[in-house]
């Protein structure tokens, strides 16, 4: 019994240390000029055109746009790299879970920031990496859509909080010339 307890303590200690070691940091958000927003179905083999989106995706996108704009975070929904995307192509990807409407299961929501990064050992190698992430699990009684929207809204709020903690807004007064 003593060995089992000792083994469990060891496993818990090493698993929490390993997950902390790879946790994206808010420092990865420093210097961003904005993000490109991508909303997609989780575990779906390809991205749908907006015309094919279920209503929940449209609502989640509208919620996210409103929150990001309210926080004065520059936002793009373009598929192509634009002014925001030139430096690292930051893409805030919201994965919306879908299921059968009448099932009662737990679903995982995710909000991740992807950026292009270069390896320090070989700067010629560039790849996309998750540099910030937040996820949650929801189990609901009906209505499902409002619970998922609330969960994702909390994850977007956390992104905004982390983003603004390393990219503070400049007050309107600080950018104006002071009279001499």
N, C-alpha and C. Protein backbone atom coordinates (compact mmCIF):
# COMPACT_ATOMS: atom_id res chain seq x y z
N UNK A 1 0.83 -1.20 0.00
CA UNK A 1 0.00 0.00 0.00
C UNK A 1 0.87 1.26 0.00
N UNK A 2 1.94 1.21 0.78
CA UNK A 2 2.83 2.36 0.88
C UNK A 2 3.48 2.66 -0.47
N UNK A 3 3.83 1.60 -1.20
CA UNK A 3 4.44 1.78 -2.52
C UNK A 3 3.46 2.40 -3.51
N UNK A 4 2.22 1.99 -3.44
CA UNK A 4 1.21 2.53 -4.35
C UNK A 4 1.02 4.02 -4.10
N UNK A 5 0.92 4.40 -2.83
CA UNK A 5 0.76 5.81 -2.48
C UNK A 5 1.98 6.60 -2.96
N UNK A 6 3.15 6.06 -2.73
CA UNK A 6 4.38 6.72 -3.15
C UNK A 6 4.42 6.87 -4.68
N UNK A 7 4.02 5.83 -5.39
CA UNK A 7 3.99 5.88 -6.85
C UNK A 7 2.99 6.93 -7.35
N UNK A 8 1.82 7.00 -6.71
CA UNK A 8 0.82 7.99 -7.10
C UNK A 8 1.32 9.41 -6.85
N UNK A 9 1.98 9.64 -5.74
CA UNK A 9 2.53 10.96 -5.43
C UNK A 9 3.57 11.33 -6.48
N UNK A 10 4.43 10.39 -6.83
CA UNK A 10 5.45 10.64 -7.85
C UNK A 10 4.81 10.99 -9.19
N UNK A 11 3.80 10.22 -9.60
CA UNK A 11 3.13 10.48 -10.87
C UNK A 11 2.45 11.85 -10.88
N UNK A 12 1.78 12.20 -9.79
CA UNK A 12 1.15 13.50 -9.72
C UNK A 12 2.16 14.63 -9.78
N UNK A 13 3.26 14.48 -9.07
CA UNK A 13 4.28 15.53 -9.05
C UNK A 13 4.92 15.71 -10.42
N UNK A 14 5.25 14.62 -11.09
CA UNK A 14 5.90 14.74 -12.39
C UNK A 14 4.93 15.18 -13.47
N UNK A 15 3.68 14.78 -13.42
CA UNK A 15 2.74 15.20 -14.46
C UNK A 15 2.43 16.68 -14.34
N UNK A 16 2.31 17.21 -13.13
CA UNK A 16 2.04 18.65 -13.01
C UNK A 16 3.27 19.46 -13.40
N UNK A 17 4.46 18.96 -13.11
CA UNK A 17 5.67 19.67 -13.52
C UNK A 17 5.81 19.67 -15.03
N UNK A 18 5.47 18.56 -15.67
CA UNK A 18 5.58 18.49 -17.12
C UNK A 18 4.58 19.41 -17.80
N UNK A 19 3.36 19.47 -17.29
CA UNK A 19 2.38 20.35 -17.93
C UNK A 19 2.73 21.81 -17.71
N UNK A 20 3.30 22.15 -16.57
CA UNK A 20 3.70 23.54 -16.33
C UNK A 20 4.87 23.93 -17.22
N UNK A 21 5.73 22.97 -17.51
CA UNK A 21 6.91 23.23 -18.32
C UNK A 21 6.52 23.67 -19.73
N UNK A 22 5.42 23.18 -20.26
CA UNK A 22 5.04 23.47 -21.62
C UNK A 22 3.88 24.46 -21.73
N UNK A 23 3.46 25.04 -20.61
CA UNK A 23 2.35 25.98 -20.63
C UNK A 23 2.74 27.28 -21.35
N UNK A 24 1.95 27.68 -22.35
CA UNK A 24 2.24 28.94 -23.01
C UNK A 24 2.16 30.10 -22.02
N UNK A 25 2.96 31.10 -22.23
CA UNK A 25 3.07 32.23 -21.33
C UNK A 25 2.42 33.47 -21.91
N UNK A 26 2.01 34.37 -21.01
CA UNK A 26 1.47 35.65 -21.49
C UNK A 26 2.55 36.46 -22.19
N UNK A 27 3.82 36.18 -21.88
CA UNK A 27 4.92 36.89 -22.55
C UNK A 27 4.90 36.65 -24.05
N UNK A 28 4.32 35.54 -24.48
CA UNK A 28 4.21 35.25 -25.91
C UNK A 28 3.26 36.21 -26.63
N UNK A 29 2.52 37.00 -25.87
CA UNK A 29 1.58 37.97 -26.44
C UNK A 29 2.18 39.36 -26.55
N UNK A 30 3.33 39.57 -25.91
CA UNK A 30 3.95 40.90 -25.87
C UNK A 30 4.29 41.37 -27.29
N UNK A 31 3.91 42.61 -27.58
CA UNK A 31 4.25 43.21 -28.87
C UNK A 31 3.28 42.92 -30.00
N UNK A 32 2.26 42.11 -29.75
CA UNK A 32 1.28 41.85 -30.82
C UNK A 32 0.53 43.12 -31.15
N UNK A 33 0.28 43.34 -32.42
CA UNK A 33 -0.47 44.51 -32.86
C UNK A 33 -1.95 44.19 -33.04
N UNK A 34 -2.30 42.92 -32.95
CA UNK A 34 -3.67 42.47 -33.13
C UNK A 34 -3.66 41.00 -33.50
N UNK A 35 -4.82 40.47 -33.83
CA UNK A 35 -4.94 39.05 -34.19
C UNK A 35 -5.89 38.89 -35.36
N UNK A 36 -5.72 37.78 -36.05
CA UNK A 36 -6.67 37.36 -37.08
C UNK A 36 -7.58 36.34 -36.43
N UNK A 37 -8.88 36.53 -36.50
CA UNK A 37 -9.84 35.66 -35.84
C UNK A 37 -10.29 34.55 -36.78
N UNK A 38 -10.24 33.32 -36.27
CA UNK A 38 -10.73 32.16 -37.02
C UNK A 38 -11.64 31.38 -36.08
N UNK A 39 -12.86 31.14 -36.52
CA UNK A 39 -13.83 30.35 -35.75
C UNK A 39 -14.12 29.10 -36.55
N UNK A 40 -14.04 27.95 -35.89
CA UNK A 40 -14.23 26.70 -36.62
C UNK A 40 -14.87 25.64 -35.73
N UNK A 41 -15.41 24.63 -36.37
CA UNK A 41 -15.96 23.49 -35.64
C UNK A 41 -14.81 22.63 -35.14
N UNK A 42 -14.90 22.22 -33.89
CA UNK A 42 -13.88 21.32 -33.35
C UNK A 42 -14.05 19.93 -33.97
N UNK A 43 -12.94 19.26 -34.17
CA UNK A 43 -12.94 17.89 -34.69
C UNK A 43 -13.68 17.74 -36.02
N UNK A 44 -13.65 18.78 -36.82
CA UNK A 44 -14.28 18.71 -38.13
C UNK A 44 -13.16 18.65 -39.15
N UNK A 45 -13.26 17.80 -40.17
CA UNK A 45 -12.12 17.57 -41.06
C UNK A 45 -11.66 18.78 -41.88
N UNK A 46 -12.54 19.75 -42.12
CA UNK A 46 -12.13 20.93 -42.90
C UNK A 46 -12.94 22.13 -42.46
N UNK A 47 -12.44 23.32 -42.81
CA UNK A 47 -13.17 24.53 -42.45
C UNK A 47 -14.36 24.72 -43.37
N UNK A 48 -15.46 25.15 -42.79
CA UNK A 48 -16.66 25.43 -43.56
C UNK A 48 -16.67 26.88 -44.00
N UNK A 49 -17.24 27.16 -45.17
CA UNK A 49 -17.48 28.54 -45.56
C UNK A 49 -18.54 29.10 -44.63
N UNK A 50 -18.51 30.43 -44.41
CA UNK A 50 -19.47 31.04 -43.49
C UNK A 50 -20.91 30.74 -43.87
N UNK A 51 -21.20 30.61 -45.15
CA UNK A 51 -22.56 30.32 -45.59
C UNK A 51 -23.04 28.95 -45.07
N UNK A 52 -22.11 28.04 -44.80
CA UNK A 52 -22.46 26.70 -44.31
C UNK A 52 -22.44 26.59 -42.79
N UNK A 53 -22.07 27.68 -42.10
CA UNK A 53 -21.94 27.62 -40.64
C UNK A 53 -23.27 27.37 -39.94
N UNK A 54 -23.24 26.54 -38.89
CA UNK A 54 -24.41 26.46 -38.03
C UNK A 54 -24.54 27.78 -37.25
N UNK A 55 -25.73 28.06 -36.77
CA UNK A 55 -26.00 29.32 -36.07
C UNK A 55 -25.05 29.53 -34.89
N UNK A 56 -24.68 28.48 -34.18
CA UNK A 56 -23.81 28.62 -33.02
C UNK A 56 -22.46 29.24 -33.39
N UNK A 57 -21.89 28.85 -34.52
CA UNK A 57 -20.61 29.44 -34.95
C UNK A 57 -20.75 30.94 -35.20
N UNK A 58 -21.85 31.33 -35.82
CA UNK A 58 -22.09 32.75 -36.09
C UNK A 58 -22.20 33.53 -34.79
N UNK A 59 -22.89 32.97 -33.81
CA UNK A 59 -23.06 33.64 -32.52
C UNK A 59 -21.73 33.76 -31.77
N UNK A 60 -20.95 32.68 -31.78
CA UNK A 60 -19.65 32.69 -31.10
C UNK A 60 -18.75 33.73 -31.76
N UNK A 61 -18.74 33.78 -33.09
CA UNK A 61 -17.91 34.76 -33.80
C UNK A 61 -18.34 36.18 -33.45
N UNK A 62 -19.62 36.45 -33.46
CA UNK A 62 -20.11 37.79 -33.13
C UNK A 62 -19.74 38.17 -31.70
N UNK A 63 -19.86 37.21 -30.77
CA UNK A 63 -19.47 37.47 -29.37
C UNK A 63 -17.99 37.82 -29.29
N UNK A 64 -17.15 37.03 -29.95
CA UNK A 64 -15.69 37.24 -29.89
C UNK A 64 -15.31 38.58 -30.51
N UNK A 65 -15.89 38.91 -31.65
CA UNK A 65 -15.60 40.18 -32.30
C UNK A 65 -15.96 41.34 -31.38
N UNK A 66 -17.13 41.27 -30.77
CA UNK A 66 -17.57 42.35 -29.88
C UNK A 66 -16.61 42.52 -28.70
N UNK A 67 -16.20 41.41 -28.09
CA UNK A 67 -15.29 41.49 -26.94
C UNK A 67 -13.92 42.03 -27.34
N UNK A 68 -13.37 41.56 -28.45
CA UNK A 68 -12.05 42.02 -28.90
C UNK A 68 -12.08 43.49 -29.29
N UNK A 69 -13.15 43.91 -29.96
CA UNK A 69 -13.27 45.32 -30.34
C UNK A 69 -13.44 46.20 -29.11
N UNK A 70 -14.22 45.75 -28.14
CA UNK A 70 -14.41 46.51 -26.91
C UNK A 70 -13.08 46.70 -26.17
N UNK A 71 -12.19 45.71 -26.27
CA UNK A 71 -10.88 45.78 -25.63
C UNK A 71 -9.86 46.53 -26.49
N UNK A 72 -10.28 47.03 -27.64
CA UNK A 72 -9.40 47.75 -28.58
C UNK A 72 -8.24 46.89 -29.08
N UNK A 73 -8.51 45.61 -29.29
CA UNK A 73 -7.51 44.73 -29.88
C UNK A 73 -7.79 44.68 -31.38
N UNK A 74 -6.79 45.08 -32.18
CA UNK A 74 -6.97 45.10 -33.64
C UNK A 74 -7.32 43.70 -34.11
N UNK A 75 -8.25 43.64 -35.06
CA UNK A 75 -8.84 42.37 -35.45
C UNK A 75 -8.96 42.28 -36.95
N UNK A 76 -8.67 41.11 -37.48
CA UNK A 76 -8.83 40.84 -38.90
C UNK A 76 -9.51 39.49 -39.05
N UNK A 77 -10.38 39.37 -40.03
CA UNK A 77 -11.00 38.08 -40.34
C UNK A 77 -10.57 37.62 -41.72
N UNK A 78 -9.59 38.29 -42.29
CA UNK A 78 -9.12 37.97 -43.63
C UNK A 78 -8.41 36.63 -43.64
N UNK A 79 -8.55 35.88 -44.73
CA UNK A 79 -7.83 34.62 -44.88
C UNK A 79 -6.38 34.87 -45.25
N UNK A 80 -6.07 36.08 -45.66
CA UNK A 80 -4.74 36.40 -46.15
C UNK A 80 -3.99 37.24 -45.13
N UNK A 81 -2.69 37.10 -45.12
CA UNK A 81 -1.86 37.86 -44.20
C UNK A 81 -2.00 39.34 -44.54
N UNK A 82 -2.37 40.12 -43.55
CA UNK A 82 -2.53 41.56 -43.75
C UNK A 82 -1.58 42.29 -42.81
N UNK A 83 -1.83 43.56 -42.58
CA UNK A 83 -0.94 44.36 -41.72
C UNK A 83 -0.79 43.73 -40.33
N UNK A 84 -1.89 43.24 -39.77
CA UNK A 84 -1.85 42.60 -38.45
C UNK A 84 -0.99 41.35 -38.52
N UNK A 85 -1.12 40.59 -39.59
CA UNK A 85 -0.49 39.29 -39.67
C UNK A 85 0.96 39.27 -40.09
N UNK A 86 1.52 40.40 -40.47
CA UNK A 86 2.90 40.37 -40.97
C UNK A 86 3.89 39.88 -39.92
N UNK A 87 3.73 40.29 -38.70
CA UNK A 87 4.68 39.91 -37.65
C UNK A 87 4.20 38.66 -36.94
N UNK A 88 4.52 37.52 -37.47
CA UNK A 88 4.19 36.26 -36.82
C UNK A 88 2.84 35.68 -37.16
N UNK A 89 2.06 36.39 -37.98
CA UNK A 89 0.75 35.91 -38.39
C UNK A 89 -0.06 35.37 -37.20
N UNK A 90 -0.34 36.19 -36.18
CA UNK A 90 -1.07 35.70 -35.01
C UNK A 90 -2.53 35.40 -35.35
N UNK A 91 -2.93 34.15 -35.13
CA UNK A 91 -4.29 33.70 -35.42
C UNK A 91 -4.94 33.19 -34.14
N UNK A 92 -6.00 33.85 -33.74
CA UNK A 92 -6.77 33.42 -32.58
C UNK A 92 -7.84 32.47 -33.10
N UNK A 93 -7.69 31.19 -32.76
CA UNK A 93 -8.56 30.16 -33.30
C UNK A 93 -9.51 29.68 -32.19
N UNK A 94 -10.80 29.81 -32.46
CA UNK A 94 -11.82 29.36 -31.52
C UNK A 94 -12.40 28.06 -32.07
N UNK A 95 -12.30 27.00 -31.30
CA UNK A 95 -12.86 25.70 -31.70
C UNK A 95 -14.16 25.49 -30.95
N UNK A 96 -15.24 25.41 -31.71
CA UNK A 96 -16.57 25.27 -31.14
C UNK A 96 -17.01 23.81 -31.27
N UNK A 97 -17.32 23.16 -30.14
CA UNK A 97 -17.75 21.76 -30.21
C UNK A 97 -19.18 21.66 -30.71
N UNK A 98 -19.44 20.64 -31.48
CA UNK A 98 -20.80 20.37 -31.94
C UNK A 98 -21.14 18.93 -31.61
N UNK A 99 -22.38 18.68 -31.37
CA UNK A 99 -22.84 17.33 -31.06
C UNK A 99 -24.31 17.23 -31.42
N UNK A 100 -24.88 16.09 -31.09
CA UNK A 100 -26.31 15.94 -31.29
C UNK A 100 -27.03 16.78 -30.24
N UNK A 101 -28.01 17.53 -30.65
CA UNK A 101 -28.71 18.44 -29.75
C UNK A 101 -29.29 17.77 -28.52
N UNK A 102 -29.73 16.55 -28.62
CA UNK A 102 -30.40 15.91 -27.48
C UNK A 102 -29.47 15.08 -26.61
N UNK A 103 -28.19 15.05 -26.92
CA UNK A 103 -27.28 14.27 -26.09
C UNK A 103 -26.88 15.10 -24.89
N UNK A 104 -26.55 14.42 -23.80
CA UNK A 104 -26.05 15.16 -22.63
C UNK A 104 -24.66 14.63 -22.34
N UNK A 105 -23.68 15.30 -22.90
CA UNK A 105 -22.29 14.90 -22.75
C UNK A 105 -21.47 16.12 -22.38
N UNK A 106 -20.22 15.88 -22.09
CA UNK A 106 -19.29 16.96 -21.80
C UNK A 106 -18.52 17.27 -23.08
N UNK A 107 -18.41 18.55 -23.41
CA UNK A 107 -17.70 18.98 -24.61
C UNK A 107 -16.56 19.91 -24.22
N UNK A 108 -15.51 19.90 -25.03
CA UNK A 108 -14.36 20.75 -24.77
C UNK A 108 -14.36 21.93 -25.73
N UNK A 109 -14.21 23.13 -25.16
CA UNK A 109 -14.06 24.34 -25.96
C UNK A 109 -12.60 24.76 -25.89
N UNK A 110 -12.09 25.36 -26.96
CA UNK A 110 -10.69 25.79 -26.99
C UNK A 110 -10.55 27.13 -27.68
N UNK A 111 -9.66 27.94 -27.12
CA UNK A 111 -9.24 29.17 -27.78
C UNK A 111 -7.71 29.13 -27.76
N UNK A 112 -7.11 29.18 -28.95
CA UNK A 112 -5.65 29.08 -29.07
C UNK A 112 -5.14 30.20 -29.94
N UNK A 113 -3.95 30.69 -29.61
CA UNK A 113 -3.28 31.66 -30.46
C UNK A 113 -2.12 30.95 -31.13
N UNK A 114 -2.15 30.92 -32.46
CA UNK A 114 -1.07 30.35 -33.25
C UNK A 114 -0.23 31.50 -33.80
N UNK A 115 1.09 31.31 -33.79
CA UNK A 115 1.99 32.28 -34.41
C UNK A 115 3.07 31.53 -35.16
N UNK A 116 3.61 32.16 -36.18
CA UNK A 116 4.76 31.59 -36.86
C UNK A 116 5.98 31.85 -35.98
N UNK A 117 6.76 30.80 -35.78
CA UNK A 117 7.96 30.90 -34.95
C UNK A 117 9.13 30.28 -35.70
N UNK A 118 10.33 30.68 -35.30
CA UNK A 118 11.56 30.11 -35.87
C UNK A 118 12.32 29.39 -34.77
N UNK A 119 12.93 28.30 -35.14
CA UNK A 119 13.73 27.55 -34.18
C UNK A 119 15.02 28.29 -33.88
N UNK A 120 15.39 28.38 -32.61
CA UNK A 120 16.62 29.09 -32.26
C UNK A 120 17.86 28.34 -32.76
N UNK A 121 17.79 27.02 -32.86
CA UNK A 121 18.95 26.26 -33.33
C UNK A 121 19.13 26.37 -34.84
N UNK A 122 18.03 26.70 -35.55
CA UNK A 122 18.10 26.85 -37.01
C UNK A 122 17.01 27.82 -37.46
N UNK A 123 17.32 29.12 -37.50
CA UNK A 123 16.32 30.13 -37.84
C UNK A 123 15.70 29.98 -39.23
N UNK A 124 16.27 29.14 -40.07
CA UNK A 124 15.67 28.94 -41.38
C UNK A 124 14.42 28.06 -41.29
N UNK A 125 14.23 27.39 -40.16
CA UNK A 125 13.05 26.54 -39.98
C UNK A 125 11.97 27.37 -39.29
N UNK A 126 10.86 27.54 -40.00
CA UNK A 126 9.73 28.30 -39.47
C UNK A 126 8.52 27.38 -39.42
N UNK A 127 7.75 27.49 -38.35
CA UNK A 127 6.58 26.64 -38.19
C UNK A 127 5.51 27.39 -37.41
N UNK A 128 4.31 26.86 -37.40
CA UNK A 128 3.24 27.43 -36.58
C UNK A 128 3.28 26.76 -35.22
N UNK A 129 3.07 27.55 -34.18
CA UNK A 129 3.06 27.00 -32.83
C UNK A 129 1.95 27.66 -32.02
N UNK A 130 1.40 26.91 -31.08
CA UNK A 130 0.44 27.48 -30.14
C UNK A 130 1.25 28.23 -29.10
N UNK A 131 1.04 29.55 -29.05
CA UNK A 131 1.81 30.36 -28.10
C UNK A 131 0.96 30.84 -26.93
N UNK A 132 -0.33 30.58 -26.98
CA UNK A 132 -1.24 30.87 -25.87
C UNK A 132 -2.44 29.97 -26.07
N UNK A 133 -2.98 29.44 -24.98
CA UNK A 133 -4.18 28.61 -25.11
C UNK A 133 -4.99 28.63 -23.83
N UNK A 134 -6.27 28.40 -24.00
CA UNK A 134 -7.21 28.30 -22.90
C UNK A 134 -8.26 27.32 -23.35
N UNK A 135 -8.67 26.45 -22.47
CA UNK A 135 -9.71 25.50 -22.84
C UNK A 135 -10.58 25.23 -21.62
N UNK A 136 -11.73 24.69 -21.90
CA UNK A 136 -12.64 24.35 -20.83
C UNK A 136 -13.57 23.24 -21.27
N UNK A 137 -14.21 22.65 -20.31
CA UNK A 137 -15.13 21.57 -20.58
C UNK A 137 -16.51 21.99 -20.08
N UNK A 138 -17.52 21.75 -20.88
CA UNK A 138 -18.88 22.11 -20.48
C UNK A 138 -19.77 20.89 -20.52
N UNK A 139 -20.59 20.78 -19.51
CA UNK A 139 -21.66 19.80 -19.46
C UNK A 139 -22.90 20.61 -19.16
N UNK A 140 -23.96 20.34 -19.81
CA UNK A 140 -25.10 21.22 -19.67
C UNK A 140 -26.41 20.48 -19.60
N UNK A 141 -27.30 21.15 -18.97
CA UNK A 141 -28.70 20.88 -19.26
C UNK A 141 -29.04 21.79 -20.44
N UNK A 142 -30.10 21.58 -21.12
CA UNK A 142 -30.44 22.44 -22.25
C UNK A 142 -30.69 23.86 -21.74
N UNK A 143 -30.45 24.92 -22.46
CA UNK A 143 -30.01 24.99 -23.85
C UNK A 143 -28.49 24.94 -23.97
N UNK A 144 -28.02 24.13 -24.84
CA UNK A 144 -26.60 23.88 -25.04
C UNK A 144 -25.86 25.10 -25.56
N UNK A 145 -26.40 25.78 -26.54
CA UNK A 145 -25.69 26.86 -27.20
C UNK A 145 -25.28 27.97 -26.22
N UNK A 146 -26.16 28.33 -25.31
CA UNK A 146 -25.84 29.41 -24.38
C UNK A 146 -24.71 29.01 -23.43
N UNK A 147 -24.65 27.75 -23.04
CA UNK A 147 -23.57 27.28 -22.16
C UNK A 147 -22.23 27.31 -22.90
N UNK A 148 -22.22 26.86 -24.14
CA UNK A 148 -20.99 26.88 -24.94
C UNK A 148 -20.54 28.32 -25.19
N UNK A 149 -21.48 29.19 -25.51
CA UNK A 149 -21.13 30.60 -25.74
C UNK A 149 -20.55 31.24 -24.48
N UNK A 150 -21.14 30.93 -23.34
CA UNK A 150 -20.64 31.48 -22.07
C UNK A 150 -19.24 30.97 -21.77
N UNK A 151 -19.00 29.69 -22.02
CA UNK A 151 -17.68 29.10 -21.77
C UNK A 151 -16.63 29.75 -22.67
N UNK A 152 -16.92 29.88 -23.95
CA UNK A 152 -15.97 30.49 -24.88
C UNK A 152 -15.78 31.97 -24.55
N UNK A 153 -16.83 32.65 -24.14
CA UNK A 153 -16.71 34.07 -23.75
C UNK A 153 -15.72 34.21 -22.59
N UNK A 154 -15.76 33.28 -21.65
CA UNK A 154 -14.80 33.31 -20.54
C UNK A 154 -13.37 33.10 -21.02
N UNK A 155 -13.19 32.23 -22.00
CA UNK A 155 -11.86 31.99 -22.55
C UNK A 155 -11.36 33.21 -23.32
N UNK A 156 -12.25 33.88 -24.05
CA UNK A 156 -11.87 35.12 -24.75
C UNK A 156 -11.54 36.20 -23.72
N UNK A 157 -12.31 36.29 -22.65
CA UNK A 157 -12.01 37.26 -21.58
C UNK A 157 -10.61 37.02 -21.03
N UNK A 158 -10.23 35.77 -20.85
CA UNK A 158 -8.89 35.45 -20.33
C UNK A 158 -7.82 35.87 -21.34
N UNK A 159 -8.07 35.63 -22.63
CA UNK A 159 -7.12 36.07 -23.66
C UNK A 159 -6.94 37.59 -23.59
N UNK A 160 -8.06 38.31 -23.51
CA UNK A 160 -8.00 39.77 -23.45
C UNK A 160 -7.22 40.22 -22.22
N UNK A 161 -7.50 39.61 -21.10
CA UNK A 161 -6.79 39.95 -19.86
C UNK A 161 -5.29 39.72 -20.02
N UNK A 162 -4.90 38.58 -20.55
CA UNK A 162 -3.48 38.26 -20.74
C UNK A 162 -2.86 39.20 -21.77
N UNK A 163 -3.56 39.46 -22.88
CA UNK A 163 -3.06 40.34 -23.93
C UNK A 163 -2.80 41.74 -23.38
N UNK A 164 -3.79 42.28 -22.67
CA UNK A 164 -3.66 43.64 -22.14
C UNK A 164 -2.63 43.73 -21.00
N UNK A 165 -2.36 42.61 -20.33
CA UNK A 165 -1.37 42.64 -19.26
C UNK A 165 0.04 42.90 -19.79
N UNK A 166 0.31 42.52 -21.04
CA UNK A 166 1.63 42.74 -21.62
C UNK A 166 1.61 43.77 -22.76
N UNK A 167 0.43 44.20 -23.16
CA UNK A 167 0.25 45.23 -24.19
C UNK A 167 -0.76 46.24 -23.68
N UNK A 168 -0.39 47.03 -22.66
CA UNK A 168 -1.37 47.95 -22.08
C UNK A 168 -1.84 48.98 -23.10
N UNK A 169 -3.11 49.33 -22.97
CA UNK A 169 -3.68 50.35 -23.86
C UNK A 169 -3.02 51.67 -23.56
N UNK A 170 -2.81 52.45 -24.60
CA UNK A 170 -2.32 53.81 -24.41
C UNK A 170 -3.54 54.69 -24.24
N UNK A 171 -3.51 55.51 -23.21
CA UNK A 171 -4.65 56.40 -23.01
C UNK A 171 -4.67 57.45 -24.11
N UNK A 172 -5.83 57.96 -24.40
CA UNK A 172 -5.97 58.96 -25.46
C UNK A 172 -5.17 60.19 -25.12
N UNK A 173 -5.03 60.51 -23.85
CA UNK A 173 -4.27 61.71 -23.44
C UNK A 173 -2.77 61.55 -23.64
N UNK A 174 -2.26 60.31 -23.53
CA UNK A 174 -0.81 60.12 -23.63
C UNK A 174 -0.31 60.27 -25.06
N UNK A 175 -1.20 60.15 -26.05
CA UNK A 175 -0.77 60.26 -27.44
C UNK A 175 -0.88 61.68 -27.96
N UNK A 176 -1.56 62.53 -27.23
CA UNK A 176 -1.71 63.92 -27.67
C UNK A 176 -0.51 64.75 -27.23
N UNK A 177 -0.21 65.76 -28.01
CA UNK A 177 0.85 66.70 -27.65
C UNK A 177 0.39 67.54 -26.48
N UNK A 178 1.25 67.66 -25.48
CA UNK A 178 0.93 68.51 -24.33
C UNK A 178 1.25 69.95 -24.68
N UNK A 179 0.38 70.89 -24.26
CA UNK A 179 0.67 72.30 -24.55
C UNK A 179 1.90 72.75 -23.80
N UNK A 180 2.67 73.66 -24.46
CA UNK A 180 3.91 74.14 -23.83
C UNK A 180 3.68 75.43 -23.11
